[in-house]
Amino acid sequence: MGRKQKTTNQILTSNIIPTETQKIARVLGSRGKNLHEVQYYEGTVTLCSLPPKFRSLVWVKRGSYVIIEPLESDKIKKIGGEIVHVLFPEHVKHLKSKGIWPKEFENQEVPDQTRPSGDDSDDQIFVNTNRIRNTDDDDDNSSSDEE
């Protein structure tokens, strides 16, 4: 079994429990160059790097949860840790059942890849911010319809 296959099996099948030095964090967004901005359960925000073994296997999305190994180095001040494990919904359920899941993350749902079926509100419609919206066109059309 190759390294890539071992890493894939480890990600999907293991029920990892963080050690005393590791922390659970929520991903706020990607900053490029395999750096992700994460928020710890205490509220602290820092940058964390994604190790090379995960780069071609796992997509870390905004709102997902990860386990971080904090770095205690004076040389690197901007990067606060390294992602050790990306948590999927099954991992989150396992950590909740063990009582390890932080209470600060209890009320927040694990991001779901599917769109909610019963909610058709306009709040979830994507708005393209790269285009200028002309509200004058709507007024011209309504005045011509009235005549």
Protein backbone atom coordinates (compact mmCIF):
# COMPACT_ATOMS: atom_id res chain seq x y z
CA MET A 1 0.00 0.00 0.00
CA GLY A 2 1.41 3.38 -1.03
CA ARG A 3 1.68 6.50 1.08
CA LYS A 4 -1.30 8.14 -0.61
CA GLN A 5 -3.52 5.12 -0.04
CA LYS A 6 -2.44 4.82 3.61
CA THR A 7 -3.22 8.48 4.19
CA THR A 8 -6.64 8.10 2.53
CA ASN A 9 -7.51 5.09 4.70
CA GLN A 10 -6.30 6.92 7.81
CA ILE A 11 -8.48 9.94 7.03
CA LEU A 12 -11.63 7.97 6.27
CA THR A 13 -11.55 5.09 8.74
CA SER A 14 -9.80 6.33 11.87
CA ASN A 15 -11.62 7.77 14.85
CA ILE A 16 -8.97 10.17 16.02
CA ILE A 17 -8.97 11.66 19.51
CA PRO A 18 -6.89 14.81 20.01
CA THR A 19 -3.97 14.65 22.40
CA GLU A 20 -3.43 17.14 25.22
CA THR A 21 -1.42 19.48 23.00
CA GLN A 22 -3.79 19.34 20.00
CA LYS A 23 -6.84 21.57 19.65
CA ILE A 24 -10.09 21.42 17.70
CA ALA A 25 -10.69 24.44 15.46
CA ARG A 26 -13.15 25.68 12.83
CA VAL A 27 -11.85 26.81 9.43
CA LEU A 28 -12.77 30.41 8.63
CA GLY A 29 -11.29 30.40 5.14
CA SER A 30 -8.34 29.66 2.90
CA ARG A 31 -5.60 32.26 2.60
CA GLY A 32 -3.65 30.62 -0.24
CA LYS A 33 -0.37 28.68 -0.32
CA ASN A 34 -2.03 25.90 1.73
CA LEU A 35 -2.63 28.26 4.65
CA HIS A 36 -6.01 28.32 6.36
CA GLU A 37 -7.38 30.79 8.86
CA VAL A 38 -8.83 28.90 11.83
CA GLN A 39 -10.66 29.83 15.01
CA TYR A 40 -10.07 27.88 18.20
CA TYR A 41 -12.96 27.21 20.57
CA GLU A 42 -11.60 29.95 22.87
CA GLY A 43 -12.13 32.47 20.06
CA THR A 44 -8.48 32.95 19.04
CA VAL A 45 -7.91 33.27 15.29
CA THR A 46 -4.63 32.14 13.66
CA LEU A 47 -3.17 30.78 10.43
CA CYS A 48 -2.44 27.06 10.08
CA SER A 49 -0.65 25.17 7.35
CA LEU A 50 -1.92 22.07 5.58
CA PRO A 51 0.85 19.43 5.42
CA PRO A 52 1.87 18.01 2.01
CA LYS A 53 0.38 14.59 2.75
CA PHE A 54 -3.15 16.10 2.78
CA ARG A 55 -2.81 18.61 -0.07
CA SER A 56 -3.96 16.44 -2.95
CA LEU A 57 -6.38 14.30 -0.92
CA VAL A 58 -8.53 16.61 1.21
CA TRP A 59 -10.38 19.81 0.43
CA VAL A 60 -10.64 21.99 3.51
CA LYS A 61 -13.71 24.19 3.17
CA ARG A 62 -14.86 27.21 5.13
CA GLY A 63 -16.88 26.06 8.14
CA SER A 64 -15.33 22.61 8.41
CA TYR A 65 -13.53 21.43 11.54
CA VAL A 66 -9.91 20.36 11.93
CA ILE A 67 -7.52 19.21 14.63
CA ILE A 68 -4.52 21.52 15.01
CA GLU A 69 -1.08 20.91 16.46
CA PRO A 70 -0.04 24.37 17.75
CA LEU A 71 3.52 25.47 16.94
CA GLU A 72 5.65 26.87 19.74
CA SER A 73 8.36 28.44 17.61
CA ASP A 74 9.81 31.93 17.88
CA LYS A 75 10.92 31.90 14.24
CA ILE A 76 7.45 31.55 12.78
CA LYS A 77 5.14 34.18 14.25
CA LYS A 78 2.40 34.26 11.63
CA ILE A 79 1.63 30.54 11.48
CA GLY A 80 0.11 29.28 14.69
CA GLY A 81 -0.10 25.58 13.95
CA GLU A 82 -0.34 22.69 11.55
CA ILE A 83 -3.47 20.77 10.56
CA VAL A 84 -3.11 17.22 11.84
CA HIS A 85 -6.54 15.86 10.89
CA VAL A 86 -9.54 17.08 8.90
CA LEU A 87 -12.79 16.17 10.67
CA PHE A 88 -15.72 14.82 8.69
CA PRO A 89 -19.30 14.62 10.11
CA GLU A 90 -18.68 11.02 11.28
CA HIS A 91 -15.63 12.18 13.25
CA VAL A 92 -17.61 15.03 14.83
CA LYS A 93 -20.34 12.59 15.94
CA HIS A 94 -17.69 10.30 17.43
CA LEU A 95 -16.06 13.17 19.35
CA LYS A 96 -19.47 14.34 20.63
CA SER A 97 -20.29 10.82 21.85
CA LYS A 98 -16.95 10.69 23.72
CA GLY A 99 -17.63 14.10 25.29
CA ILE A 100 -14.50 15.67 23.79
CA TRP A 101 -16.27 18.13 21.48
CA PRO A 102 -15.97 21.77 22.71
CA LYS A 103 -19.18 23.31 24.04
CA GLU A 104 -18.51 26.48 22.04
CA PHE A 105 -18.97 24.49 18.82
CA GLU A 106 -22.07 22.60 20.06
CA ASN A 107 -24.67 25.00 18.61
CA GLN A 108 -22.95 25.28 15.26
CA GLU A 109 -23.88 22.68 12.69
CA VAL A 110 -21.42 20.69 10.65
CA PRO A 111 -21.48 22.09 7.10
CA ASP A 112 -23.62 19.97 4.82
CA GLN A 113 -22.85 19.69 1.13
CA THR A 114 -26.50 19.53 0.07
CA ARG A 115 -28.80 22.50 -0.33
CA PRO A 116 -31.73 22.70 2.06
CA SER A 117 -34.79 21.40 0.23
CA GLY A 118 -37.59 23.23 2.01
CA ASP A 119 -36.03 26.68 2.24
CA ASP A 120 -36.32 28.76 -0.93
CA SER A 121 -35.53 32.17 0.55
CA ASP A 122 -33.67 34.86 -1.37
CA ASP A 123 -30.94 34.97 1.30
CA GLN A 124 -29.26 31.89 -0.16
CA ILE A 125 -29.21 33.13 -3.77
CA PHE A 126 -25.70 33.88 -4.99
CA VAL A 127 -25.18 37.53 -5.84
CA ASN A 128 -22.46 38.36 -8.33
CA THR A 129 -20.58 41.29 -6.83
CA ASN A 130 -18.51 41.76 -9.99
CA ARG A 131 -21.45 43.25 -11.91
CA ILE A 132 -23.05 46.58 -11.38
CA ARG A 133 -26.79 46.31 -10.83
CA ASN A 134 -28.82 48.87 -12.75
CA THR A 135 -31.98 49.68 -10.87
CA ASP A 136 -32.94 52.30 -13.48
CA ASP A 137 -33.78 49.57 -16.02
CA ASP A 138 -36.54 48.23 -13.79
CA ASP A 139 -38.16 51.67 -13.51
CA ASP A 140 -38.13 52.18 -17.29
CA ASN A 141 -39.82 48.83 -17.94
CA SER A 142 -42.56 49.45 -15.39
CA SER A 143 -43.38 52.92 -16.78
CA SER A 144 -43.67 51.61 -20.35
CA ASP A 145 -46.00 48.82 -19.21
CA GLU A 146 -48.38 51.29 -17.58
CA GLU A 147 -48.90 53.29 -20.82
